[in-house]
N, C-alpha and C. Protein backbone atom coordinates (compact mmCIF):
# COMPACT_ATOMS: atom_id res chain seq x y z
N MET A 1 -9.03 -83.37 25.27
CA MET A 1 -9.46 -81.94 24.25
C MET A 1 -10.77 -81.57 24.75
N ALA A 2 -10.33 -80.11 24.96
CA ALA A 2 -11.69 -79.53 25.55
C ALA A 2 -12.89 -79.04 24.33
N ILE A 3 -13.80 -79.06 24.69
CA ILE A 3 -15.04 -78.61 23.61
C ILE A 3 -15.38 -77.56 24.26
N GLU A 4 -15.29 -76.40 23.46
CA GLU A 4 -16.10 -75.23 24.07
C GLU A 4 -17.36 -74.85 23.34
N SER A 5 -18.04 -74.42 24.03
CA SER A 5 -19.53 -73.76 23.91
C SER A 5 -19.67 -72.85 22.92
N ILE A 6 -20.63 -72.80 22.14
CA ILE A 6 -20.75 -71.83 20.90
C ILE A 6 -21.27 -70.44 21.33
N GLY A 7 -21.79 -70.49 23.16
CA GLY A 7 -22.23 -69.25 23.51
C GLY A 7 -20.85 -68.29 23.39
N GLY A 8 -19.98 -68.33 23.85
CA GLY A 8 -18.63 -67.68 24.14
C GLY A 8 -18.54 -66.92 22.55
N LYS A 9 -18.40 -67.52 21.61
CA LYS A 9 -18.12 -67.26 20.38
C LYS A 9 -19.16 -66.38 19.71
N LEU A 10 -20.31 -66.78 20.07
CA LEU A 10 -21.25 -65.98 19.48
C LEU A 10 -21.58 -64.49 19.70
N PRO A 11 -21.47 -63.60 20.31
CA PRO A 11 -21.16 -62.20 20.06
C PRO A 11 -19.84 -62.01 19.22
N SER A 12 -19.18 -62.46 19.00
CA SER A 12 -17.82 -61.94 17.85
C SER A 12 -18.46 -62.59 16.48
N ILE A 13 -19.23 -63.64 16.36
CA ILE A 13 -19.53 -63.65 15.11
C ILE A 13 -20.98 -63.03 14.69
N ILE A 14 -21.76 -62.59 15.78
CA ILE A 14 -22.57 -61.36 15.53
C ILE A 14 -22.01 -60.41 14.79
N GLN A 15 -20.93 -59.77 15.62
CA GLN A 15 -20.31 -58.15 15.33
C GLN A 15 -19.80 -58.26 14.10
N GLU A 16 -18.97 -59.79 13.77
CA GLU A 16 -18.42 -59.89 12.39
C GLU A 16 -19.30 -59.68 11.23
N ALA A 17 -20.47 -60.46 11.30
CA ALA A 17 -21.88 -60.02 10.42
C ALA A 17 -22.56 -58.92 10.24
N GLN A 18 -22.65 -57.97 11.27
CA GLN A 18 -22.98 -56.71 11.21
C GLN A 18 -22.03 -55.96 10.69
N LYS A 19 -20.25 -55.91 10.83
CA LYS A 19 -19.33 -55.47 10.52
C LYS A 19 -19.43 -55.60 8.85
N GLN A 20 -19.76 -56.80 8.30
CA GLN A 20 -19.93 -57.04 7.04
C GLN A 20 -21.19 -56.43 6.32
N THR A 21 -22.19 -56.42 6.82
CA THR A 21 -23.24 -55.60 6.49
C THR A 21 -22.97 -54.15 6.25
N LYS A 22 -22.35 -53.59 7.07
CA LYS A 22 -22.09 -52.10 7.13
C LYS A 22 -20.75 -51.79 6.09
N ASP A 23 -20.08 -52.95 5.59
CA ASP A 23 -19.21 -52.66 4.47
C ASP A 23 -20.17 -52.51 3.12
N ILE A 24 -21.27 -53.41 2.88
CA ILE A 24 -21.86 -53.35 2.01
C ILE A 24 -22.63 -52.44 1.56
N SER A 25 -23.12 -51.82 2.75
CA SER A 25 -23.89 -50.33 2.72
C SER A 25 -22.74 -49.38 2.25
N GLY A 26 -21.87 -49.25 3.07
CA GLY A 26 -20.49 -48.35 2.34
C GLY A 26 -20.16 -48.37 1.06
N PHE A 27 -20.45 -49.62 0.17
CA PHE A 27 -19.97 -49.63 -1.02
C PHE A 27 -21.19 -49.23 -1.60
N GLY A 28 -22.44 -49.09 -1.16
CA GLY A 28 -23.62 -48.27 -2.00
C GLY A 28 -23.46 -46.83 -1.95
N ASN A 29 -22.70 -46.46 -0.75
CA ASN A 29 -22.79 -45.24 -0.34
C ASN A 29 -21.64 -44.61 -1.21
N VAL A 30 -20.32 -45.34 -1.53
CA VAL A 30 -19.56 -44.81 -2.37
C VAL A 30 -20.10 -44.63 -3.67
N LEU A 31 -20.75 -45.60 -3.93
CA LEU A 31 -21.37 -45.91 -5.65
C LEU A 31 -22.25 -44.42 -5.72
N GLY A 32 -22.77 -44.26 -4.54
CA GLY A 32 -24.15 -43.23 -4.98
C GLY A 32 -23.00 -41.93 -5.02
N GLU A 33 -22.18 -41.86 -4.00
CA GLU A 33 -21.36 -40.51 -4.37
C GLU A 33 -20.54 -40.45 -5.57
N PHE A 34 -20.24 -41.37 -6.44
CA PHE A 34 -19.60 -41.35 -7.45
C PHE A 34 -20.45 -40.83 -8.55
N ILE A 35 -21.38 -41.32 -8.47
CA ILE A 35 -22.62 -40.93 -9.55
C ILE A 35 -22.87 -39.68 -9.13
N GLY A 36 -23.12 -39.25 -8.15
CA GLY A 36 -23.24 -37.76 -7.87
C GLY A 36 -22.26 -36.93 -8.61
N SER A 37 -21.09 -37.66 -8.33
CA SER A 37 -19.87 -36.90 -8.92
C SER A 37 -19.83 -36.38 -10.64
N VAL A 38 -20.50 -37.70 -10.92
CA VAL A 38 -20.39 -37.87 -12.52
C VAL A 38 -21.18 -36.85 -12.78
N ASN A 39 -22.59 -36.69 -12.35
CA ASN A 39 -23.68 -35.88 -12.64
C ASN A 39 -22.96 -34.75 -12.57
N ASP A 40 -22.31 -34.17 -11.30
CA ASP A 40 -21.91 -32.81 -11.26
C ASP A 40 -21.06 -32.21 -11.96
N ASP A 41 -19.91 -33.30 -12.91
CA ASP A 41 -19.05 -33.16 -13.93
C ASP A 41 -19.95 -32.78 -15.50
N GLN A 42 -20.96 -33.60 -15.47
CA GLN A 42 -21.68 -33.32 -16.84
C GLN A 42 -22.53 -31.95 -16.65
N LEU A 43 -22.95 -31.50 -15.50
CA LEU A 43 -23.34 -30.04 -15.11
C LEU A 43 -22.48 -29.26 -15.25
N LYS A 44 -21.67 -29.38 -14.86
CA LYS A 44 -20.44 -28.04 -14.82
C LYS A 44 -20.05 -28.07 -16.48
N SER A 45 -19.72 -29.06 -17.10
CA SER A 45 -19.53 -28.96 -18.47
C SER A 45 -20.54 -28.12 -19.32
N ALA A 46 -21.64 -28.78 -19.12
CA ALA A 46 -22.94 -27.81 -19.59
C ALA A 46 -22.89 -26.47 -19.71
N GLN A 47 -22.47 -25.94 -18.54
CA GLN A 47 -22.51 -24.85 -17.92
C GLN A 47 -21.40 -24.07 -18.45
N ILE A 48 -20.28 -24.60 -18.36
CA ILE A 48 -19.17 -23.95 -18.82
C ILE A 48 -19.03 -23.82 -20.64
N THR A 49 -19.89 -24.75 -21.25
CA THR A 49 -20.17 -24.63 -22.47
C THR A 49 -21.17 -23.34 -22.80
N ASN A 50 -22.21 -23.41 -22.12
CA ASN A 50 -23.17 -22.15 -22.32
C ASN A 50 -22.40 -20.80 -22.06
N ASP A 51 -21.39 -20.74 -20.73
CA ASP A 51 -20.56 -19.50 -20.41
C ASP A 51 -19.82 -19.00 -21.82
N PHE A 52 -19.49 -19.94 -22.22
CA PHE A 52 -18.44 -19.86 -23.14
C PHE A 52 -19.30 -19.38 -24.62
N ILE A 53 -20.55 -20.01 -25.00
CA ILE A 53 -21.02 -19.36 -26.30
C ILE A 53 -21.97 -18.11 -25.81
N SER A 54 -22.15 -17.58 -25.09
CA SER A 54 -22.86 -16.51 -24.24
C SER A 54 -21.71 -15.51 -24.09
N GLY A 55 -20.56 -15.83 -24.39
CA GLY A 55 -19.07 -14.70 -23.99
C GLY A 55 -18.75 -14.37 -23.02
N ASP A 56 -18.85 -15.22 -21.80
CA ASP A 56 -19.02 -14.92 -20.32
C ASP A 56 -17.24 -14.74 -20.19
N GLY A 57 -16.36 -14.76 -20.66
CA GLY A 57 -15.06 -14.82 -20.12
C GLY A 57 -14.46 -16.08 -20.45
N VAL A 58 -14.95 -17.10 -20.91
CA VAL A 58 -14.66 -18.77 -20.63
C VAL A 58 -13.40 -19.01 -21.81
N GLU A 59 -12.39 -19.26 -21.77
CA GLU A 59 -11.68 -19.99 -22.80
C GLU A 59 -12.06 -20.96 -23.35
N ILE A 60 -11.82 -21.35 -24.82
CA ILE A 60 -12.20 -22.67 -25.17
C ILE A 60 -11.34 -23.40 -24.79
N HIS A 61 -10.10 -23.31 -24.02
CA HIS A 61 -9.47 -24.62 -23.32
C HIS A 61 -10.22 -25.31 -21.96
N GLU A 62 -10.99 -24.45 -21.32
CA GLU A 62 -11.46 -24.44 -20.02
C GLU A 62 -12.60 -25.67 -20.63
N VAL A 63 -13.36 -24.97 -21.69
CA VAL A 63 -14.54 -25.57 -22.55
C VAL A 63 -13.98 -27.17 -22.72
N MET A 64 -12.98 -27.40 -23.35
CA MET A 64 -12.44 -28.77 -23.60
C MET A 64 -12.06 -29.61 -22.42
N ILE A 65 -11.73 -28.91 -21.36
CA ILE A 65 -10.96 -29.66 -20.24
C ILE A 65 -12.16 -30.28 -19.72
N ALA A 66 -13.32 -29.35 -19.38
CA ALA A 66 -14.58 -29.97 -18.61
C ALA A 66 -15.23 -30.94 -19.28
N GLY A 67 -15.32 -30.57 -20.79
CA GLY A 67 -16.11 -31.73 -21.52
C GLY A 67 -15.52 -33.22 -21.56
N GLU A 68 -14.12 -32.98 -21.79
CA GLU A 68 -13.10 -34.26 -21.39
C GLU A 68 -13.22 -34.78 -20.13
N LYS A 69 -13.34 -34.02 -19.30
CA LYS A 69 -13.55 -34.78 -17.68
C LYS A 69 -14.93 -35.27 -17.67
N ALA A 70 -15.54 -34.67 -17.93
CA ALA A 70 -17.23 -35.08 -18.24
C ALA A 70 -17.33 -36.49 -18.69
N LYS A 71 -16.46 -36.09 -19.76
CA LYS A 71 -16.73 -37.97 -20.87
C LYS A 71 -15.67 -38.82 -20.30
N THR A 72 -14.82 -38.69 -19.43
CA THR A 72 -13.80 -39.55 -18.76
C THR A 72 -14.66 -40.40 -17.64
N SER A 73 -15.27 -39.23 -16.66
CA SER A 73 -15.84 -39.96 -15.64
C SER A 73 -17.45 -40.57 -15.87
N LEU A 74 -17.94 -40.04 -17.18
CA LEU A 74 -18.80 -40.98 -17.51
C LEU A 74 -18.33 -42.51 -18.13
N GLU A 75 -17.41 -42.62 -18.91
CA GLU A 75 -16.84 -43.99 -19.25
C GLU A 75 -16.72 -44.77 -17.96
N LEU A 76 -15.93 -44.00 -17.55
CA LEU A 76 -15.59 -44.86 -15.96
C LEU A 76 -16.88 -45.51 -15.32
N LEU A 77 -17.93 -44.51 -15.26
CA LEU A 77 -18.96 -45.01 -14.57
C LEU A 77 -19.79 -46.43 -15.41
N MET A 78 -19.89 -46.06 -16.65
CA MET A 78 -19.96 -47.11 -17.30
C MET A 78 -19.25 -48.64 -17.37
N GLU A 79 -17.88 -48.16 -17.17
CA GLU A 79 -17.03 -49.65 -17.35
C GLU A 79 -17.47 -50.30 -16.10
N ILE A 80 -17.88 -49.37 -14.82
CA ILE A 80 -18.13 -50.04 -13.67
C ILE A 80 -19.27 -50.92 -13.15
N ARG A 81 -20.42 -50.15 -14.23
CA ARG A 81 -21.57 -50.75 -14.33
C ARG A 81 -21.35 -52.14 -15.10
N ASN A 82 -20.76 -51.88 -16.25
CA ASN A 82 -20.56 -53.32 -17.20
C ASN A 82 -19.77 -54.58 -16.20
N LYS A 83 -18.93 -53.89 -15.66
CA LYS A 83 -18.12 -55.18 -14.67
C LYS A 83 -19.39 -55.70 -13.49
N THR A 84 -19.89 -54.83 -12.80
CA THR A 84 -20.82 -55.04 -11.90
C THR A 84 -21.99 -56.19 -12.65
N ILE A 85 -22.39 -55.65 -13.70
CA ILE A 85 -23.39 -56.94 -14.13
C ILE A 85 -22.88 -58.05 -14.90
N ASP A 86 -21.57 -58.13 -15.16
CA ASP A 86 -20.95 -59.43 -15.42
C ASP A 86 -20.77 -59.99 -13.90
N MET A 87 -20.45 -59.50 -12.97
CA MET A 87 -20.05 -60.11 -11.81
C MET A 87 -21.72 -60.72 -11.24
N TYR A 88 -22.73 -60.00 -11.48
CA TYR A 88 -23.79 -60.73 -11.06
C TYR A 88 -24.28 -62.10 -11.67
N ARG A 89 -24.04 -61.60 -13.35
CA ARG A 89 -24.26 -62.92 -13.98
C ARG A 89 -23.77 -64.17 -13.90
N GLU A 90 -22.17 -63.66 -13.20
CA GLU A 90 -21.27 -64.92 -13.01
C GLU A 90 -21.94 -65.62 -11.63
N LEU A 91 -21.96 -64.98 -10.89
CA LEU A 91 -22.55 -65.12 -9.71
C LEU A 91 -23.85 -66.16 -9.62
N THR A 92 -24.94 -65.73 -10.35
CA THR A 92 -26.04 -66.38 -10.61
C THR A 92 -25.71 -67.66 -11.45
N ARG A 93 -24.97 -67.40 -12.09
CA ARG A 93 -24.38 -68.87 -12.92
C ARG A 93 -23.94 -69.73 -12.07
N MET A 94 -23.27 -69.20 -11.10
CA MET A 94 -22.40 -70.51 -10.30
C MET A 94 -23.41 -70.92 -9.22
N SER A 95 -24.62 -69.79 -8.87
CA SER A 95 -25.52 -70.68 -8.01
C SER A 95 -26.25 -71.81 -8.61
N LEU A 96 -26.60 -71.63 -9.77
CA LEU A 96 -27.73 -72.41 -10.39
C LEU A 96 -26.93 -74.00 -10.77
């Protein structure tokens, strides 16, 4: 039975650790983009509502669709936040 040195495996271990770090920052980027998308939906809904009120040729169904889209995306964001907080609490409870 031959014993291998760790020196041969060290570069692959370092690359794996760097890949995992990139995956974590990727999650942050995805979450940031999603938050920006929710904000855009909210702003678009407000703009369409203002256009409808001022009589700029916007139909009521467009206002309702934009409002429901903004509401649904905000509710999804809140659920993601709640699940993330629950996960964090569970992890901290496990580490104690």
